[in-house]
N, C-alpha and C. Protein backbone atom coordinates (compact mmCIF):
# COMPACT_ATOMS: atom_id res chain seq x y z
N UNK A 1 -8.16 -4.05 20.34
CA UNK A 1 -7.16 -3.90 20.00
C UNK A 1 -7.63 -2.82 18.76
N UNK A 2 -6.96 -1.80 18.47
CA UNK A 2 -7.52 -0.81 17.01
C UNK A 2 -6.54 -1.61 15.92
N UNK A 3 -7.49 -0.86 15.04
CA UNK A 3 -6.74 -1.52 13.51
C UNK A 3 -5.10 -0.48 13.52
N UNK A 4 -4.40 -1.05 12.78
CA UNK A 4 -2.65 -0.69 12.50
C UNK A 4 -2.34 0.00 10.61
N UNK A 5 -2.31 1.17 10.75
CA UNK A 5 -1.86 1.43 9.01
C UNK A 5 -0.69 1.03 8.76
N UNK A 6 -0.71 0.66 7.32
CA UNK A 6 0.64 0.25 6.54
C UNK A 6 0.60 0.86 5.70
N UNK A 7 1.75 1.17 4.84
CA UNK A 7 2.06 1.79 3.79
C UNK A 7 3.40 1.41 3.41
N UNK A 8 3.30 1.38 1.87
CA UNK A 8 4.82 0.85 1.00
C UNK A 8 4.73 1.30 -0.64
N UNK A 9 5.66 1.62 -0.71
CA UNK A 9 6.23 2.40 -1.74
C UNK A 9 6.98 1.07 -2.52
N UNK A 10 6.59 0.66 -4.26
CA UNK A 10 7.08 0.21 -4.89
C UNK A 10 7.32 0.42 -6.47
N UNK A 11 8.67 0.11 -7.06
CA UNK A 11 8.62 0.39 -8.52
C UNK A 11 7.42 0.35 -9.38
N UNK A 12 7.29 1.44 -10.03
CA UNK A 12 6.08 1.00 -10.84
C UNK A 12 6.31 -0.15 -12.32
N UNK A 13 5.08 -0.66 -12.27
CA UNK A 13 5.09 -1.71 -13.38
C UNK A 13 3.56 -1.55 -13.30
N UNK A 14 3.34 -1.96 -15.11
CA UNK A 14 2.00 -1.37 -15.72
C UNK A 14 1.05 -2.22 -14.97
N UNK A 15 1.39 -3.40 -14.95
CA UNK A 15 0.41 -4.70 -14.11
C UNK A 15 0.69 -4.13 -12.88
N UNK A 16 -0.36 -3.78 -12.25
CA UNK A 16 -0.72 -3.57 -10.43
C UNK A 16 -0.66 -4.82 -10.05
N UNK A 17 -1.69 -5.64 -10.29
CA UNK A 17 -1.91 -6.72 -9.60
C UNK A 17 -0.63 -7.72 -9.65
N UNK A 18 0.42 -7.35 -10.40
CA UNK A 18 1.64 -8.27 -10.30
C UNK A 18 2.57 -7.41 -9.38
N UNK A 19 2.24 -6.17 -9.17
CA UNK A 19 3.37 -5.39 -8.58
C UNK A 19 2.82 -5.83 -7.33
N UNK A 20 1.51 -5.97 -6.72
CA UNK A 20 1.01 -6.26 -5.86
C UNK A 20 1.47 -7.44 -4.74
N UNK A 21 1.31 -8.33 -5.79
CA UNK A 21 1.66 -9.82 -5.89
C UNK A 21 3.19 -9.74 -5.17
N UNK A 22 3.83 -8.94 -5.87
CA UNK A 22 5.51 -9.08 -5.49
C UNK A 22 5.90 -8.58 -4.17
N UNK A 23 5.00 -7.60 -3.66
CA UNK A 23 5.31 -7.02 -2.85
C UNK A 23 4.71 -7.85 -1.64
N UNK A 24 3.53 -8.49 -1.92
CA UNK A 24 3.07 -9.46 -0.87
C UNK A 24 4.28 -10.41 -0.72
N UNK A 25 4.40 -10.95 -1.58
CA UNK A 25 5.61 -12.03 -1.23
C UNK A 25 6.95 -11.88 -0.61
N UNK A 26 7.30 -10.38 -1.21
CA UNK A 26 8.79 -9.81 -0.51
C UNK A 26 8.77 -9.67 0.96
N UNK A 27 7.52 -9.12 1.29
CA UNK A 27 6.98 -8.81 2.86
C UNK A 27 6.85 -10.23 3.56
N UNK A 28 6.62 -11.43 2.82
CA UNK A 28 6.23 -12.66 3.52
C UNK A 28 7.56 -13.20 3.97
N UNK A 29 8.54 -13.11 2.78
CA UNK A 29 9.65 -13.81 2.55
C UNK A 29 10.65 -13.13 3.67
N UNK A 30 10.14 -11.73 3.95
CA UNK A 30 11.54 -10.68 4.85
C UNK A 30 10.47 -11.35 6.32
N UNK A 31 9.31 -11.57 6.64
CA UNK A 31 9.00 -11.80 8.05
C UNK A 31 8.00 -10.40 8.56
N UNK A 32 7.85 -9.47 7.68
CA UNK A 32 7.31 -8.34 8.20
C UNK A 32 5.75 -7.99 8.29
N UNK A 33 5.21 -9.23 8.86
CA UNK A 33 3.89 -9.28 9.41
C UNK A 33 3.78 -10.06 10.94
N UNK A 34 2.68 -9.94 11.10
CA UNK A 34 2.21 -10.45 12.58
C UNK A 34 1.72 -11.44 11.94
N UNK A 35 1.96 -12.95 12.77
CA UNK A 35 2.78 -12.39 13.98
C UNK A 35 4.41 -12.47 14.36
N UNK A 36 5.00 -12.63 13.28
CA UNK A 36 5.85 -12.53 13.29
C UNK A 36 7.10 -11.27 13.56
N UNK A 37 6.49 -10.25 13.05
CA UNK A 37 6.89 -8.93 14.12
C UNK A 37 5.40 -8.48 14.02
N UNK A 38 4.80 -7.93 15.33
CA UNK A 38 3.32 -7.64 15.90
C UNK A 38 2.96 -6.91 15.37
N UNK A 39 3.83 -5.83 15.05
CA UNK A 39 3.46 -4.17 14.63
C UNK A 39 4.16 -4.13 13.83
N UNK A 40 4.44 -4.37 12.68
CA UNK A 40 5.54 -3.97 11.68
C UNK A 40 5.59 -2.02 11.69
N UNK A 41 6.60 -1.66 11.59
CA UNK A 41 7.01 -0.35 11.71
C UNK A 41 7.11 0.04 10.27
N UNK A 42 6.35 1.51 9.77
CA UNK A 42 6.36 1.67 8.33
C UNK A 42 7.09 3.13 8.66
N UNK A 43 7.99 3.49 7.44
CA UNK A 43 7.83 3.00 6.23
C UNK A 43 8.94 1.96 6.15
N UNK A 44 9.09 1.11 5.24
CA UNK A 44 9.44 -0.51 4.99
C UNK A 44 11.13 0.33 4.61
N UNK A 45 12.06 -0.29 4.66
CA UNK A 45 13.54 0.48 4.39
C UNK A 45 14.72 -0.42 4.59
N UNK A 46 15.79 -0.02 3.94
CA UNK A 46 16.90 -0.95 4.12
C UNK A 46 17.12 -1.13 5.20
N UNK A 47 17.11 -0.68 6.42
CA UNK A 47 16.99 -0.81 7.28
C UNK A 47 16.35 -1.64 8.48
N UNK A 48 14.83 -1.95 7.77
CA UNK A 48 13.75 -2.43 8.41
C UNK A 48 14.31 -3.67 8.94
N UNK A 49 13.84 -4.21 10.09
CA UNK A 49 13.83 -5.82 10.42
C UNK A 49 13.07 -6.67 9.70
N UNK A 50 14.25 -7.73 9.45
CA UNK A 50 13.95 -8.55 8.37
C UNK A 50 13.86 -10.16 8.91
N UNK A 51 13.18 -10.90 9.73
CA UNK A 51 13.45 -11.82 10.51
C UNK A 51 13.37 -13.21 9.67
N UNK A 52 12.72 -12.74 8.35
CA UNK A 52 12.44 -14.36 7.55
C UNK A 52 11.23 -14.62 8.06
N UNK A 53 10.41 -15.32 7.23
CA UNK A 53 9.67 -15.86 7.05
C UNK A 53 9.36 -16.90 8.27
N UNK A 54 8.09 -17.26 8.87
CA UNK A 54 8.19 -17.96 9.84
C UNK A 54 6.91 -19.16 9.41
N UNK A 55 6.36 -19.36 8.60
CA UNK A 55 5.10 -19.84 8.05
C UNK A 55 5.46 -20.49 6.29
N UNK A 56 4.50 -21.69 6.21
CA UNK A 56 4.78 -22.10 4.49
C UNK A 56 4.67 -21.20 4.14
N UNK A 57 3.56 -20.22 4.04
CA UNK A 57 2.94 -19.64 2.81
C UNK A 57 2.07 -18.39 3.70
N UNK A 58 1.75 -17.64 2.76
CA UNK A 58 1.18 -16.32 3.17
C UNK A 58 -0.40 -17.06 3.70
N UNK A 59 -0.91 -17.97 3.12
CA UNK A 59 -2.28 -18.00 3.49
C UNK A 59 -2.04 -19.06 5.11
N UNK A 60 -0.94 -19.89 5.12
CA UNK A 60 -0.78 -19.92 6.75
C UNK A 60 -0.60 -19.26 7.80
N UNK A 61 0.30 -18.12 7.06
CA UNK A 61 0.64 -16.88 7.99
C UNK A 61 -1.03 -16.07 8.79
N UNK A 62 -1.44 -15.55 7.63
CA UNK A 62 -2.89 -15.42 7.94
C UNK A 62 -4.02 -16.24 8.46
N UNK A 63 -3.91 -17.29 8.57
CA UNK A 63 -4.56 -17.73 9.45
C UNK A 63 -3.95 -18.24 10.50
N UNK A 64 -3.02 -18.44 10.53
CA UNK A 64 -2.26 -18.43 12.59
C UNK A 64 -2.49 -17.03 12.88
N UNK A 65 -3.09 -15.81 12.67
CA UNK A 65 -3.37 -14.88 13.16
C UNK A 65 -4.83 -14.79 13.77
N UNK A 66 -5.56 -15.92 13.63
CA UNK A 66 -6.84 -15.81 14.04
C UNK A 66 -8.06 -14.63 13.90
N UNK A 67 -8.20 -15.05 12.66
CA UNK A 67 -8.98 -13.60 12.53
C UNK A 67 -8.39 -12.03 12.47
N UNK A 68 -7.19 -11.76 13.22
CA UNK A 68 -7.04 -10.23 13.47
C UNK A 68 -6.41 -9.70 12.17
N UNK A 69 -5.68 -10.77 11.18
CA UNK A 69 -4.77 -10.21 10.13
C UNK A 69 -3.15 -10.17 10.89
N UNK A 70 -2.46 -9.89 9.44
CA UNK A 70 -0.94 -9.87 9.46
C UNK A 70 -0.68 -8.13 9.89
N UNK A 71 -1.70 -7.51 10.35
CA UNK A 71 -0.98 -6.14 9.97
C UNK A 71 -0.28 -5.53 8.97
N UNK A 72 -0.57 -6.11 7.72
CA UNK A 72 0.47 -5.78 6.58
C UNK A 72 -0.34 -6.00 4.84
N UNK A 73 0.18 -6.08 4.45
CA UNK A 73 -0.55 -6.08 2.87
C UNK A 73 -0.70 -7.42 2.30
N UNK A 74 0.03 -8.41 3.35
CA UNK A 74 -0.39 -9.72 2.89
C UNK A 74 -1.71 -9.98 3.32
N UNK A 75 -2.65 -9.18 4.08
CA UNK A 75 -3.87 -9.37 3.98
C UNK A 75 -4.91 -9.34 2.71
N UNK A 76 -4.16 -8.40 1.99
CA UNK A 76 -5.04 -8.30 0.89
C UNK A 76 -5.10 -9.56 -0.47
N UNK A 77 -5.81 -10.35 0.01
CA UNK A 77 -5.87 -11.88 -0.73
C UNK A 77 -6.77 -11.50 -1.86
N UNK A 78 -7.72 -10.60 -1.65
CA UNK A 78 -8.82 -10.40 -3.06
C UNK A 78 -7.95 -9.30 -4.26
N UNK A 79 -6.50 -9.52 -3.80
CA UNK A 79 -6.06 -8.81 -4.91
C UNK A 79 -6.48 -7.04 -5.43
N UNK A 80 -5.85 -6.61 -7.05
CA UNK A 80 -6.55 -5.35 -7.18
C UNK A 80 -8.06 -5.42 -7.66
N UNK A 81 -8.43 -4.33 -7.09
CA UNK A 81 -9.91 -4.49 -7.48
C UNK A 81 -10.19 -3.19 -8.53
N UNK A 82 -11.13 -3.41 -9.38
CA UNK A 82 -11.31 -2.60 -10.74
C UNK A 82 -11.72 -1.28 -10.30
N UNK A 83 -12.62 -1.39 -9.14
CA UNK A 83 -13.58 -0.14 -9.43
C UNK A 83 -12.83 1.12 -8.21
N UNK A 84 -12.63 2.27 -8.36
CA UNK A 84 -11.87 3.39 -7.69
C UNK A 84 -12.63 2.96 -6.31
N UNK A 85 -11.76 3.30 -5.16
CA UNK A 85 -12.34 3.46 -3.36
C UNK A 85 -12.35 4.91 -3.53
N UNK A 86 -13.45 5.05 -3.27
CA UNK A 86 -13.98 6.72 -2.99
C UNK A 86 -13.71 7.06 -1.43
N UNK A 87 -13.45 8.33 -1.43
CA UNK A 87 -13.44 8.59 0.21
C UNK A 87 -14.23 9.05 0.88
N UNK A 88 -15.26 9.53 0.06
CA UNK A 88 -16.71 9.79 0.75
C UNK A 88 -17.26 8.48 1.04
N UNK A 89 -17.57 7.98 2.57
CA UNK A 89 -17.82 6.67 2.79
C UNK A 89 -19.22 6.20 2.35
N UNK A 90 -19.80 7.27 1.80
CA UNK A 90 -21.50 7.18 1.33
C UNK A 90 -21.65 6.52 0.14
N UNK A 91 -20.33 6.69 -1.00
CA UNK A 91 -20.17 6.54 -2.18
C UNK A 91 -19.06 5.11 -2.27
N UNK A 92 -19.37 4.45 -1.03
CA UNK A 92 -18.23 3.47 -0.97
C UNK A 92 -19.01 2.01 -0.78
N UNK A 93 -18.61 0.97 -1.85
CA UNK A 93 -19.07 -0.55 -0.99
C UNK A 93 -18.52 -1.51 -0.25
N UNK A 94 -18.53 -1.24 0.96
CA UNK A 94 -17.33 -1.94 1.91
C UNK A 94 -17.17 -3.54 1.06
N UNK A 95 -18.56 -4.23 0.94
CA UNK A 95 -18.40 -5.71 0.55
C UNK A 95 -17.41 -5.83 -0.15
N UNK A 96 -17.49 -4.92 -1.34
CA UNK A 96 -16.56 -5.12 -2.76
C UNK A 96 -15.40 -4.49 -2.45
N UNK A 97 -15.19 -4.22 -1.21
CA UNK A 97 -13.57 -3.66 -0.98
C UNK A 97 -12.68 -4.64 -0.02
N UNK A 98 -13.59 -5.45 0.94
CA UNK A 98 -12.77 -5.70 1.56
C UNK A 98 -11.66 -7.09 1.28
N UNK A 99 -10.36 -6.64 1.91
CA UNK A 99 -9.22 -7.61 1.66
C UNK A 99 -8.90 -7.50 0.43
N UNK A 100 -9.35 -6.43 -0.44
CA UNK A 100 -8.84 -5.91 -1.65
C UNK A 100 -7.93 -4.61 -1.53
N UNK A 101 -7.61 -3.99 -3.08
CA UNK A 101 -6.41 -2.93 -3.01
C UNK A 101 -7.32 -2.72 -4.43
N UNK A 102 -7.99 -1.09 -4.12
CA UNK A 102 -8.61 -0.23 -5.05
C UNK A 102 -7.62 0.83 -5.56
N UNK A 103 -7.64 1.26 -6.73
CA UNK A 103 -7.03 2.45 -7.01
C UNK A 103 -8.20 3.75 -6.34
N UNK A 104 -7.31 4.73 -6.19
CA UNK A 104 -8.25 6.01 -5.51
C UNK A 104 -9.03 6.67 -6.57
N UNK A 105 -9.96 7.34 -6.16
CA UNK A 105 -11.08 7.66 -7.34
C UNK A 105 -10.39 9.22 -7.97
N UNK A 106 -10.09 9.13 -9.32
CA UNK A 106 -9.43 10.47 -9.78
C UNK A 106 -9.99 11.58 -8.91
N UNK A 107 -11.81 11.70 -8.42
CA UNK A 107 -11.61 13.11 -8.57
C UNK A 107 -11.36 13.24 -7.10
N UNK A 108 -10.76 12.27 -6.19
CA UNK A 108 -10.35 12.02 -4.90
C UNK A 108 -8.80 12.57 -5.18
N UNK A 109 -8.00 11.85 -5.93
CA UNK A 109 -6.73 12.39 -6.12
C UNK A 109 -6.70 13.99 -6.54
N UNK A 110 -7.68 14.32 -7.24
CA UNK A 110 -7.38 16.25 -7.30
C UNK A 110 -7.83 16.60 -6.29
N UNK A 111 -8.79 16.56 -5.15
CA UNK A 111 -9.33 16.94 -4.05
C UNK A 111 -7.99 17.03 -3.35
N UNK A 112 -7.15 15.89 -2.99
CA UNK A 112 -6.28 15.45 -1.76
C UNK A 112 -4.66 15.79 -2.63
N UNK A 113 -4.90 15.83 -3.82
CA UNK A 113 -3.31 16.35 -4.12
C UNK A 113 -3.15 17.02 -5.10
N UNK A 114 -4.21 17.52 -5.99
CA UNK A 114 -4.05 18.76 -6.79
C UNK A 114 -3.54 18.18 -8.31
N UNK A 115 -3.85 17.34 -8.21
CA UNK A 115 -3.43 16.47 -9.82
C UNK A 115 -3.86 14.83 -9.77
N UNK A 116 -4.00 14.09 -10.94
CA UNK A 116 -4.53 12.78 -11.18
C UNK A 116 -2.83 12.02 -11.09
N UNK A 117 -1.65 13.10 -11.12
CA UNK A 117 -0.34 12.08 -11.26
C UNK A 117 0.31 12.65 -10.33
N UNK A 118 0.41 12.36 -9.04
CA UNK A 118 0.69 13.19 -7.89
C UNK A 118 2.18 12.54 -7.44
N UNK A 119 2.87 13.21 -7.40
CA UNK A 119 4.85 12.47 -6.90
C UNK A 119 4.35 12.21 -5.27
N UNK A 120 5.25 11.46 -5.41
CA UNK A 120 6.04 10.84 -3.89
C UNK A 120 5.73 11.81 -2.84
N UNK A 121 6.54 13.16 -3.10
CA UNK A 121 6.66 14.00 -2.26
C UNK A 121 4.90 14.10 -1.87
N UNK A 122 4.53 14.94 -2.35
CA UNK A 122 2.64 15.28 -2.33
C UNK A 122 2.11 13.89 -1.31
N UNK A 123 2.18 12.92 -2.03
CA UNK A 123 0.96 11.76 -1.46
C UNK A 123 1.65 11.53 0.24
N UNK A 124 2.86 11.58 0.07
CA UNK A 124 3.16 11.13 1.59
C UNK A 124 3.54 11.90 2.60
N UNK A 125 3.10 13.27 2.20
CA UNK A 125 3.67 14.34 3.03
C UNK A 125 2.65 14.57 4.32
N UNK A 126 1.33 13.68 3.98
CA UNK A 126 0.28 14.28 5.03
C UNK A 126 -0.44 12.71 4.97
N UNK A 127 0.07 11.67 5.21
CA UNK A 127 -0.21 10.27 5.23
C UNK A 127 -1.66 10.26 6.25
N UNK A 128 -1.94 10.95 7.15
CA UNK A 128 -2.76 10.70 8.28
C UNK A 128 -4.27 11.22 7.31
N UNK A 129 -4.22 12.02 6.53
CA UNK A 129 -5.12 12.51 6.03
C UNK A 129 -6.04 11.08 5.03
N UNK A 130 -5.06 10.20 4.66
CA UNK A 130 -5.20 9.40 3.69
C UNK A 130 -5.90 8.41 4.79
N UNK A 131 -4.97 8.05 5.86
CA UNK A 131 -5.87 6.87 6.77
C UNK A 131 -6.81 7.09 7.25
N UNK A 132 -7.28 8.24 7.44
CA UNK A 132 -8.62 8.89 8.09
C UNK A 132 -9.88 8.16 7.23
N UNK A 133 -9.84 8.40 5.95
CA UNK A 133 -10.55 7.43 5.04
C UNK A 133 -10.46 6.50 4.68
N UNK A 134 -9.42 5.85 4.97
CA UNK A 134 -9.64 3.94 4.83
C UNK A 134 -10.04 3.23 5.96
N UNK A 135 -11.10 2.18 4.92
CA UNK A 135 -11.53 1.72 5.94
C UNK A 135 -10.61 0.30 6.72
N UNK A 136 -10.92 -0.21 7.62
CA UNK A 136 -10.13 -1.46 8.23
C UNK A 136 -10.77 -2.15 7.36
N UNK A 137 -9.44 -3.49 6.88
CA UNK A 137 -9.32 -4.42 5.61
C UNK A 137 -9.56 -4.14 4.25
N UNK A 138 -8.86 -2.92 4.07
CA UNK A 138 -8.85 -2.40 2.69
C UNK A 138 -7.90 -1.72 2.83
N UNK A 139 -7.33 -1.40 1.12
CA UNK A 139 -6.01 -0.88 1.01
C UNK A 139 -6.57 -0.31 -0.04
N UNK A 140 -5.97 0.96 -0.56
CA UNK A 140 -5.90 1.79 -2.24
C UNK A 140 -4.51 1.72 -2.35
N UNK A 141 -4.53 2.09 -3.93
CA UNK A 141 -2.92 2.35 -4.50
C UNK A 141 -2.97 3.93 -5.20
N UNK A 142 -1.97 4.54 -5.36
CA UNK A 142 -1.87 5.55 -6.18
C UNK A 142 -0.41 5.44 -6.85
N UNK A 143 -0.14 5.54 -7.98
CA UNK A 143 0.70 5.67 -9.46
C UNK A 143 1.11 6.99 -8.99
N UNK A 144 2.42 6.92 -8.15
CA UNK A 144 3.22 8.08 -8.45
C UNK A 144 3.62 8.57 -9.55
N UNK A 145 4.20 9.99 -9.68
CA UNK A 145 4.77 10.10 -10.96
C UNK A 145 5.72 11.28 -10.89
N UNK A 146 6.92 11.53 -11.58
CA UNK A 146 7.78 12.06 -11.76
C UNK A 146 7.94 13.09 -13.37
N UNK A 147 8.40 13.77 -13.33
CA UNK A 147 8.28 14.63 -14.47
C UNK A 147 7.30 14.14 -15.38
N UNK A 148 6.05 13.86 -14.64
CA UNK A 148 4.80 13.35 -15.78
C UNK A 148 4.69 11.84 -15.98
N UNK A 149 5.77 11.07 -15.58
CA UNK A 149 5.91 9.92 -15.68
C UNK A 149 5.65 8.75 -14.84
N UNK A 150 4.77 7.72 -14.80
CA UNK A 150 4.91 6.88 -13.88
C UNK A 150 6.09 6.16 -13.31
N UNK A 151 6.48 6.34 -11.77
CA UNK A 151 7.71 6.14 -11.27
C UNK A 151 7.57 5.15 -10.33
N UNK A 152 6.40 4.81 -9.20
CA UNK A 152 6.37 4.12 -8.65
C UNK A 152 4.84 4.11 -7.93
N UNK A 153 4.61 2.90 -7.30
CA UNK A 153 3.31 2.87 -6.63
C UNK A 153 3.26 2.71 -5.24
N UNK A 154 2.01 3.52 -4.95
CA UNK A 154 2.43 3.75 -3.51
C UNK A 154 0.82 2.91 -2.70
N UNK A 155 1.25 1.65 -1.84
CA UNK A 155 0.12 1.14 -1.63
C UNK A 155 -0.26 1.45 0.03
N UNK A 156 -1.01 1.87 0.25
CA UNK A 156 -1.46 2.26 2.05
C UNK A 156 -2.89 1.09 2.34
N UNK A 157 -3.20 1.03 3.37
CA UNK A 157 -3.97 0.00 3.96
C UNK A 157 -3.85 0.29 5.33
N UNK A 158 -5.56 -0.42 5.59
CA UNK A 158 -5.43 -0.19 7.41
C UNK A 158 -5.94 -2.12 7.75
N UNK A 159 -5.48 -2.38 9.06
CA UNK A 159 -5.55 -3.69 9.56
C UNK A 159 -6.54 -4.04 9.96
N UNK A 160 -6.96 -5.50 9.90
CA UNK A 160 -8.26 -5.68 10.22
C UNK A 160 -8.51 -5.34 11.64
N UNK A 161 -7.53 -5.61 13.05
CA UNK A 161 -7.78 -5.64 14.14
C UNK A 161 -7.13 -4.31 14.46
């Protein structure tokens, strides 16, 4: 089976890891992860299915997938990583990125979006460009801006299977 891309947008908070952990908990409680929903549909919105969690913990949910992963942000067990994710595969250290979320490198933000403070509209306009560069079992984040101020955090990843 091939990997599955996923993405989420959450309100901005300066502690990115806290935002990530809150998102992971929200999606776990909603049951928007495999095997509860075999292939969750993105983007997540108010009308997205929410069957409720089917496991006692995120760890139990991950273990129930027998190494395939949950096809969601739940798999990012290593939290937010400090080193930027570079889109050039020759500049990436995959071992350091696996099952973690990294900020997209500033140079790549400029190359892709023309700015280090991109808006939501610019970032979500062509997600296929980003998915083309993100490895399975990894995720990135971008702080989204409006009027020069941080407003949201965009998380994008690729599942293990």
